[in-house]
Amino acid sequence: MKFSVERAILLKALAHAQSVVEKRNTIPILANILLDAREGGLKLTATDMEIAIVEEVPGVQVARPGRTTAPAATLFEIVRKLPDGATVELDHKGGDAPLALRAGRFQTSLQVLPVEDYPAMTEGSLPHAFRLEAAKLRGLIDRTRFAISTEETRYYLNGIYLHVAEGEGGPVLRAAATDGHRLARVEEELPEGAAGLPGVIIPRKTVAEVRKLAEETRDEVGVRLSDTKISFTIGPVVLTSKLIDGTFPDYERVIPKGNDKVMEVDNRAFAEAVSRVAAISSERQRPVKLSLAQDYLEVTANSAEAGNAREELDGGLVTYAAAPLEIGFQARYLADITDQAKDTLVFRFSDGNAPTVVQDKADQGALYVLMPMRV
């Protein structure tokens, strides 16, 4: 195998691949990427046996077709440190010979592992298929992934639940995530071909990789899936992942229906007030208290070490007409919602101890539920 390619082109593909490769693993071949040079160009593959990424690399001049493997992290670091505009040549003589890399006056050689040992993870039928705008895919991920649980014992919460649900105007494509303390539920118009979609749980690492790839395109993303695997085609990249084998809880049961105390608040002013007040505390949870009265909101926090902080919001920034109310939340949970919202947040309360519903007034497709905490 022998080919040459411009450094920036190879670096972009290697960045995608090495991100999937598990940094600490007990199977040496999984630290490598598979380089497959053919007359049509170069195909690059990486996997950790949970996720596999395959990318067709453009602009490659293949002098001698062939296949080999190379250590992903090392190859990425070498190419990353080469000068802009450099032409990278990779040459492998076959067998267990090292992989030679040359760029200008720089040259090195890398140990390879047998191609035959490289695992295949992308095989199998994926009968359900639809296409989704990249911007909509990013929106589904951004507005839900912060609520994914990191508790490994509740593995079925370690991802985003993607499924078809009945919305107010008919069937919708819905994404949901929860860690038991908060819930994020977001929906988009149901894409053509998605009607028979099974409900699937996409793992946290897959969500992160897909989000990075979706940032690089404005085109539609092809989605194919079965009950056990899902595949995303994003430009020249195909990312295939195993799905979480578990049952996502009936999250609709935790969404309160009768919360009748409604507060509307300017999102930016509220976010800044929570951030300033929460800075008083070094606690990981950083609780803040919201005290509501007629068209008035006071945000407060207390710290045994630093003292206390408070900020008032009124003067058109807040509308509230129900009975006075005090309720506490984790500042980080509030910030995760305000980071995604636009102009106005709508809070629907029952009392100071019951779950609260939060919505973005400009985005009716997103709904959040927060459990209060003692402050």
Protein backbone atom coordinates (compact mmCIF):
# COMPACT_ATOMS: atom_id res chain seq x y z
CA MET A 1 0.00 0.00 0.00
CA LYS A 2 1.24 3.46 -0.91
CA PHE A 3 -0.60 6.76 -1.15
CA SER A 4 -0.12 10.49 -0.64
CA VAL A 5 -2.57 13.11 0.58
CA GLU A 6 -2.61 16.71 1.73
CA ARG A 7 -2.04 16.99 5.47
CA ALA A 8 -5.30 18.86 6.32
CA ILE A 9 -7.46 16.27 4.54
CA LEU A 10 -5.84 13.35 6.35
CA LEU A 11 -5.88 15.17 9.70
CA LYS A 12 -9.64 15.76 9.54
CA ALA A 13 -10.34 12.07 8.90
CA LEU A 14 -7.89 10.95 11.59
CA ALA A 15 -9.55 13.31 14.10
CA HIS A 16 -12.88 11.60 13.49
CA ALA A 17 -11.35 8.13 13.80
CA GLN A 18 -9.15 8.58 16.85
CA SER A 19 -12.09 10.10 18.74
CA VAL A 20 -13.89 6.76 18.48
CA VAL A 21 -10.87 4.64 19.43
CA GLU A 22 -10.91 3.75 23.12
CA LYS A 23 -7.84 5.24 24.79
CA ARG A 24 -7.54 2.44 27.36
CA ASN A 25 -8.31 -1.05 26.12
CA THR A 26 -6.97 -4.55 26.62
CA ILE A 27 -7.20 -5.53 22.94
CA PRO A 28 -4.21 -4.06 21.05
CA ILE A 29 -5.87 -4.06 17.60
CA LEU A 30 -8.59 -1.70 18.88
CA ALA A 31 -5.97 1.01 19.37
CA ASN A 32 -5.36 0.92 15.61
CA ILE A 33 -7.21 2.24 12.60
CA LEU A 34 -7.65 0.34 9.35
CA LEU A 35 -6.27 2.05 6.23
CA ASP A 36 -7.71 0.68 2.99
CA ALA A 37 -6.18 2.29 -0.11
CA ARG A 38 -7.84 1.40 -3.39
CA GLU A 39 -8.03 2.87 -6.87
CA GLY A 40 -11.04 4.97 -5.89
CA GLY A 41 -9.26 6.50 -2.90
CA LEU A 42 -8.77 5.80 0.80
CA LYS A 43 -11.24 4.32 3.27
CA LEU A 44 -10.41 4.75 6.94
CA THR A 45 -12.05 2.65 9.69
CA ALA A 46 -11.93 2.81 13.49
CA THR A 47 -13.89 0.95 16.17
CA ASP A 48 -14.07 0.24 19.88
CA MET A 49 -16.53 -2.65 19.26
CA GLU A 50 -19.42 -0.46 20.43
CA ILE A 51 -19.05 2.21 17.74
CA ALA A 52 -17.47 1.97 14.29
CA ILE A 53 -16.67 4.88 12.00
CA VAL A 54 -15.90 4.50 8.29
CA GLU A 55 -14.83 7.51 6.23
CA GLU A 56 -14.14 7.89 2.54
CA VAL A 57 -11.19 10.30 2.36
CA PRO A 58 -11.14 12.56 -0.73
CA GLY A 59 -8.10 13.86 -2.60
CA VAL A 60 -5.90 10.79 -2.07
CA GLN A 61 -3.38 9.76 -4.73
CA VAL A 62 -3.05 5.97 -4.53
CA ALA A 63 0.18 4.63 -6.03
CA ARG A 64 -0.21 1.06 -4.78
CA PRO A 65 -3.52 -0.31 -3.44
CA GLY A 66 -3.44 -2.25 -0.19
CA ARG A 67 -4.55 -2.43 3.42
CA THR A 68 -2.86 -2.12 6.77
CA THR A 69 -3.49 -0.95 10.33
CA ALA A 70 -1.72 1.81 12.26
CA PRO A 71 -1.84 3.15 15.85
CA ALA A 72 -4.59 5.79 15.78
CA ALA A 73 -3.38 8.18 18.49
CA THR A 74 0.25 8.17 17.32
CA LEU A 75 -0.59 8.70 13.66
CA PHE A 76 -3.00 11.51 14.55
CA GLU A 77 -0.40 13.29 16.70
CA ILE A 78 2.29 13.03 14.02
CA VAL A 79 0.04 14.39 11.27
CA ARG A 80 -1.29 17.11 13.58
CA LYS A 81 2.25 18.40 14.18
CA LEU A 82 3.23 18.49 10.52
CA PRO A 83 3.31 21.94 8.87
CA ASP A 84 0.22 23.27 7.07
CA GLY A 85 0.20 22.42 3.39
CA ALA A 86 2.50 19.42 3.74
CA THR A 87 1.94 16.36 1.55
CA VAL A 88 1.89 13.17 3.61
CA GLU A 89 3.05 9.91 2.03
CA LEU A 90 2.27 6.58 3.67
CA ASP A 91 4.02 3.45 2.38
CA HIS A 92 3.57 -0.12 3.60
CA LYS A 93 5.48 -2.95 1.92
CA GLY A 94 3.15 -5.65 3.23
CA GLY A 95 3.18 -8.28 5.95
CA ASP A 96 4.63 -7.17 9.27
CA ALA A 97 6.83 -4.48 7.70
CA PRO A 98 6.48 -1.08 9.40
CA LEU A 99 4.36 1.70 7.93
CA ALA A 100 6.65 4.44 6.59
CA LEU A 101 5.44 8.04 6.79
CA ARG A 102 7.17 10.87 4.95
CA ALA A 103 6.36 14.58 4.76
CA GLY A 104 9.01 16.89 3.36
CA ARG A 105 12.21 16.20 5.29
CA PHE A 106 10.40 14.39 8.08
CA GLN A 107 10.09 10.62 8.13
CA THR A 108 9.14 7.98 10.63
CA SER A 109 7.93 4.39 10.74
CA LEU A 110 5.08 2.88 12.73
CA GLN A 111 4.49 -0.70 13.81
CA VAL A 112 1.42 -2.32 12.29
CA LEU A 113 -0.85 -5.18 13.34
CA PRO A 114 -2.37 -7.79 10.98
CA VAL A 115 -5.37 -6.63 8.97
CA GLU A 116 -6.93 -10.06 9.53
CA ASP A 117 -7.22 -9.29 13.25
CA TYR A 118 -9.22 -6.13 12.68
CA PRO A 119 -12.84 -6.65 13.85
CA ALA A 120 -15.87 -6.00 11.64
CA MET A 121 -18.77 -4.29 13.36
CA THR A 122 -20.78 -2.75 10.53
CA GLU A 123 -22.40 -5.90 9.18
CA GLY A 124 -26.10 -6.70 9.60
CA SER A 125 -29.46 -5.50 8.32
CA LEU A 126 -30.76 -2.03 9.26
CA PRO A 127 -34.34 -2.11 7.91
CA HIS A 128 -35.61 1.28 9.13
CA ALA A 129 -34.33 4.35 7.27
CA PHE A 130 -35.07 8.06 7.13
CA ARG A 131 -33.30 11.37 6.57
CA LEU A 132 -33.12 14.31 8.96
CA GLU A 133 -31.73 17.81 8.52
CA ALA A 134 -28.40 18.17 10.33
CA ALA A 135 -29.67 21.25 12.19
CA LYS A 136 -32.67 19.30 13.50
CA LEU A 137 -30.43 16.43 14.58
CA ARG A 138 -28.17 18.88 16.43
CA GLY A 139 -31.24 20.39 18.08
CA LEU A 140 -32.54 17.04 19.27
CA ILE A 141 -29.16 16.23 20.79
CA ASP A 142 -28.35 19.64 22.32
CA ARG A 143 -31.71 19.97 24.06
CA THR A 144 -31.63 16.52 25.64
CA ARG A 145 -28.10 15.19 26.17
CA PHE A 146 -27.41 17.19 29.34
CA ALA A 147 -30.06 15.08 31.08
CA ILE A 148 -28.42 11.74 30.19
CA SER A 149 -27.57 9.80 33.34
CA THR A 150 -23.93 8.96 34.12
CA GLU A 151 -24.93 6.33 36.67
CA GLU A 152 -23.66 3.08 35.18
CA THR A 153 -25.93 0.94 37.36
CA ARG A 154 -28.94 2.44 35.57
CA TYR A 155 -27.47 1.69 32.17
CA TYR A 156 -30.82 2.11 30.38
CA LEU A 157 -30.66 5.85 31.24
CA ASN A 158 -27.14 6.26 29.77
CA GLY A 159 -28.39 7.55 26.43
CA ILE A 160 -31.06 9.37 24.46
CA TYR A 161 -34.33 7.54 23.85
CA LEU A 162 -35.34 8.11 20.20
CA HIS A 163 -38.85 7.05 19.25
CA VAL A 164 -42.09 7.91 17.49
CA ALA A 165 -44.73 9.44 19.75
CA GLU A 166 -48.13 11.05 19.41
CA GLY A 167 -47.78 14.83 19.59
CA GLU A 168 -50.51 17.45 19.71
CA GLY A 169 -50.73 17.56 15.93
CA GLY A 170 -50.07 13.91 15.16
CA PRO A 171 -47.05 11.57 15.15
CA VAL A 172 -43.66 13.18 15.91
CA LEU A 173 -40.03 12.08 16.23
CA ARG A 174 -39.21 12.47 19.90
CA ALA A 175 -35.96 12.36 21.88
CA ALA A 176 -35.94 12.01 25.66
CA ALA A 177 -33.31 11.74 28.38
CA THR A 178 -33.46 11.62 32.15
CA ASP A 179 -31.14 11.03 35.09
CA GLY A 180 -33.92 10.69 37.65
CA HIS A 181 -33.60 14.31 38.80
CA ARG A 182 -34.61 15.99 35.56
CA LEU A 183 -36.18 15.11 32.25
CA ALA A 184 -35.63 16.59 28.79
CA ARG A 185 -38.19 15.80 26.07
CA VAL A 186 -37.83 17.27 22.58
CA GLU A 187 -39.74 16.59 19.38
CA GLU A 188 -39.49 17.30 15.67
CA GLU A 189 -41.80 16.70 12.74
CA LEU A 190 -41.79 13.01 11.84
CA PRO A 191 -39.45 12.45 8.85
CA GLU A 192 -40.65 10.45 5.88
CA GLY A 193 -39.88 6.79 6.40
CA ALA A 194 -39.70 6.97 10.21
CA ALA A 195 -43.28 5.90 10.95
CA GLY A 196 -42.43 2.29 11.85
CA LEU A 197 -39.38 3.23 13.90
CA PRO A 198 -38.75 1.08 17.01
CA GLY A 199 -37.96 2.96 20.22
CA VAL A 200 -34.17 2.82 20.71
CA ILE A 201 -31.67 4.11 23.29
CA ILE A 202 -28.59 5.71 21.68
CA PRO A 203 -25.52 5.49 23.99
CA ARG A 204 -23.94 8.61 25.44
CA LYS A 205 -20.62 8.22 23.58
CA THR A 206 -22.43 7.73 20.26
CA VAL A 207 -24.49 10.85 20.91
CA ALA A 208 -21.30 12.87 21.45
CA GLU A 209 -19.63 11.57 18.28
CA VAL A 210 -22.70 12.14 16.12
CA ARG A 211 -23.06 15.68 17.47
CA LYS A 212 -19.47 16.51 16.49
CA LEU A 213 -19.93 15.14 12.98
CA ALA A 214 -23.29 16.90 12.52
CA GLU A 215 -21.56 20.21 13.24
CA GLU A 216 -19.56 19.82 10.03
CA THR A 217 -22.48 19.70 7.59
CA ARG A 218 -25.66 21.52 6.65
CA ASP A 219 -26.94 18.64 4.55
CA GLU A 220 -29.37 15.96 5.57
CA VAL A 221 -28.17 13.07 7.71
CA GLY A 222 -29.13 9.54 6.73
CA VAL A 223 -30.31 7.40 9.65
CA ARG A 224 -30.73 3.62 9.46
CA LEU A 225 -31.46 1.33 12.37
CA SER A 226 -32.63 -2.01 13.70
CA ASP A 227 -33.52 -3.09 17.23
CA THR A 228 -29.82 -3.47 18.09
CA LYS A 229 -27.84 -1.03 15.89
CA ILE A 230 -28.08 2.47 14.46
CA SER A 231 -26.12 4.06 11.61
CA PHE A 232 -25.66 7.74 10.72
CA THR A 233 -24.39 8.81 7.30
CA ILE A 234 -22.97 12.33 7.58
CA GLY A 235 -21.22 13.47 4.41
CA PRO A 236 -18.37 11.01 3.70
CA VAL A 237 -18.64 9.46 7.18
CA VAL A 238 -20.73 6.48 8.27
CA LEU A 239 -20.94 5.97 12.03
CA THR A 240 -22.50 2.71 13.23
CA SER A 241 -23.25 2.02 16.88
CA LYS A 242 -24.73 -0.66 19.05
CA LEU A 243 -27.84 0.42 20.94
CA ILE A 244 -28.40 0.08 24.68
CA ASP A 245 -30.19 -3.19 25.36
CA GLY A 246 -32.73 -2.06 27.92
CA THR A 247 -36.17 -0.56 28.46
CA PHE A 248 -36.46 3.19 28.81
CA PRO A 249 -38.91 4.15 31.59
CA ASP A 250 -42.37 5.57 30.87
CA TYR A 251 -41.24 9.17 31.24
CA GLU A 252 -44.71 10.59 30.49
CA ARG A 253 -45.77 9.51 33.99
CA VAL A 254 -43.40 12.01 35.62
CA ILE A 255 -44.59 15.03 33.60
CA PRO A 256 -47.00 16.97 35.83
CA LYS A 257 -50.33 17.84 34.20
CA GLY A 258 -51.91 20.22 36.72
CA ASN A 259 -49.18 22.76 37.53
CA ASP A 260 -51.17 26.00 37.56
CA LYS A 261 -48.70 28.57 38.96
CA VAL A 262 -47.05 30.09 35.87
CA MET A 263 -43.97 32.32 35.73
CA GLU A 264 -42.54 33.80 32.56
CA VAL A 265 -39.02 35.19 32.83
CA ASP A 266 -36.50 36.70 30.43
CA ASN A 267 -34.08 33.85 29.74
CA ARG A 268 -30.87 35.89 29.58
CA ALA A 269 -31.58 37.92 32.72
CA PHE A 270 -32.58 34.77 34.61
CA ALA A 271 -29.49 32.82 33.46
CA GLU A 272 -27.14 35.64 34.50
CA ALA A 273 -28.82 36.05 37.89
CA VAL A 274 -28.58 32.31 38.65
CA SER A 275 -24.93 32.24 37.56
CA ARG A 276 -23.94 35.23 39.74
CA VAL A 277 -25.82 34.04 42.80
CA ALA A 278 -24.57 30.45 42.52
CA ALA A 279 -20.96 31.67 42.44
CA ILE A 280 -21.15 32.17 46.21
CA SER A 281 -21.07 28.40 46.72
CA SER A 282 -18.32 25.93 45.91
CA GLU A 283 -20.64 22.97 46.42
CA ARG A 284 -20.98 20.67 43.44
CA GLN A 285 -24.75 20.86 43.54
CA ARG A 286 -24.86 24.64 44.10
CA PRO A 287 -28.50 25.01 45.15
CA VAL A 288 -30.36 28.27 44.53
CA LYS A 289 -33.75 29.34 45.85
CA LEU A 290 -36.40 31.08 43.76
CA SER A 291 -38.82 33.27 45.73
CA LEU A 292 -41.81 34.43 43.69
CA ALA A 293 -44.39 37.15 44.27
CA GLN A 294 -46.53 39.31 41.99
CA ASP A 295 -44.38 39.98 38.87
CA TYR A 296 -41.28 39.58 41.04
CA LEU A 297 -38.52 36.96 41.42
CA GLU A 298 -35.71 36.83 43.95
CA VAL A 299 -32.83 34.39 43.38
CA THR A 300 -30.77 33.56 46.48
CA ALA A 301 -28.00 31.19 47.55
CA ASN A 302 -26.23 30.55 50.85
CA SER A 303 -22.80 29.15 51.62
CA ALA A 304 -21.45 28.20 55.04
CA GLU A 305 -17.98 29.36 53.96
CA ALA A 306 -18.66 32.44 51.82
CA GLY A 307 -21.95 33.89 53.07
CA ASN A 308 -24.98 34.57 50.88
CA ALA A 309 -26.00 36.22 47.63
CA ARG A 310 -29.28 37.49 46.19
CA GLU A 311 -30.55 39.16 43.03
CA GLU A 312 -33.97 40.54 42.18
CA LEU A 313 -35.76 40.40 38.84
CA ASP A 314 -38.83 42.53 38.11
CA GLY A 315 -39.61 45.54 35.91
CA GLY A 316 -40.94 43.62 32.93
CA LEU A 317 -38.44 40.76 33.16
CA VAL A 318 -40.86 38.58 35.15
CA THR A 319 -44.59 37.95 35.00
CA TYR A 320 -46.23 35.94 37.79
CA ALA A 321 -49.78 36.27 39.12
CA ALA A 322 -50.24 33.27 41.46
CA ALA A 323 -49.71 32.97 45.22
CA PRO A 324 -46.20 33.60 46.62
CA LEU A 325 -43.93 30.56 46.25
CA GLU A 326 -40.46 29.43 47.31
CA ILE A 327 -38.67 26.55 45.58
CA GLY A 328 -35.05 25.38 45.19
CA PHE A 329 -33.15 23.88 42.26
CA GLN A 330 -29.60 22.91 41.38
CA ALA A 331 -28.06 25.90 39.62
CA ARG A 332 -26.40 23.60 37.07
CA TYR A 333 -29.75 22.08 36.10
CA LEU A 334 -31.21 25.53 35.51
CA ALA A 335 -28.14 26.56 33.48
CA ASP A 336 -28.45 23.49 31.24
CA ILE A 337 -31.93 24.65 30.26
CA THR A 338 -31.14 28.36 29.89
CA ASP A 339 -28.19 27.45 27.62
CA GLN A 340 -30.67 26.00 25.11
CA ALA A 341 -33.52 28.48 25.48
CA LYS A 342 -33.97 31.68 23.50
CA ASP A 343 -35.95 34.68 24.78
CA THR A 344 -38.46 33.65 27.44
CA LEU A 345 -38.71 30.71 29.83
CA VAL A 346 -42.09 29.50 31.10
CA PHE A 347 -42.09 27.77 34.51
CA ARG A 348 -45.18 25.86 35.66
CA PHE A 349 -45.19 25.14 39.40
CA SER A 350 -47.49 23.20 41.70
CA ASP A 351 -45.80 23.88 45.05
CA GLY A 352 -42.30 24.05 46.53
CA ASN A 353 -41.92 20.26 46.75
CA ALA A 354 -43.39 19.04 43.47
CA PRO A 355 -41.81 18.60 40.02
CA THR A 356 -41.71 21.76 37.89
CA VAL A 357 -42.30 21.95 34.14
CA VAL A 358 -40.08 24.35 32.17
CA GLN A 359 -40.57 25.32 28.53
CA ASP A 360 -38.97 27.69 26.07
CA LYS A 361 -41.78 29.98 24.90
CA ALA A 362 -40.19 30.16 21.43
CA ASP A 363 -39.71 26.39 21.16
CA GLN A 364 -42.87 24.44 21.90
CA GLY A 365 -41.15 21.23 20.83
CA ALA A 366 -39.00 21.17 23.97
CA LEU A 367 -40.18 20.37 27.49
CA TYR A 368 -38.16 19.94 30.69
CA VAL A 369 -39.08 18.63 34.13
CA LEU A 370 -37.02 19.51 37.20
CA MET A 371 -37.21 17.95 40.65
CA PRO A 372 -36.88 20.59 43.40
CA MET A 373 -34.35 20.36 46.22
CA ARG A 374 -34.21 21.63 49.78
CA VAL A 375 -32.42 24.98 50.21
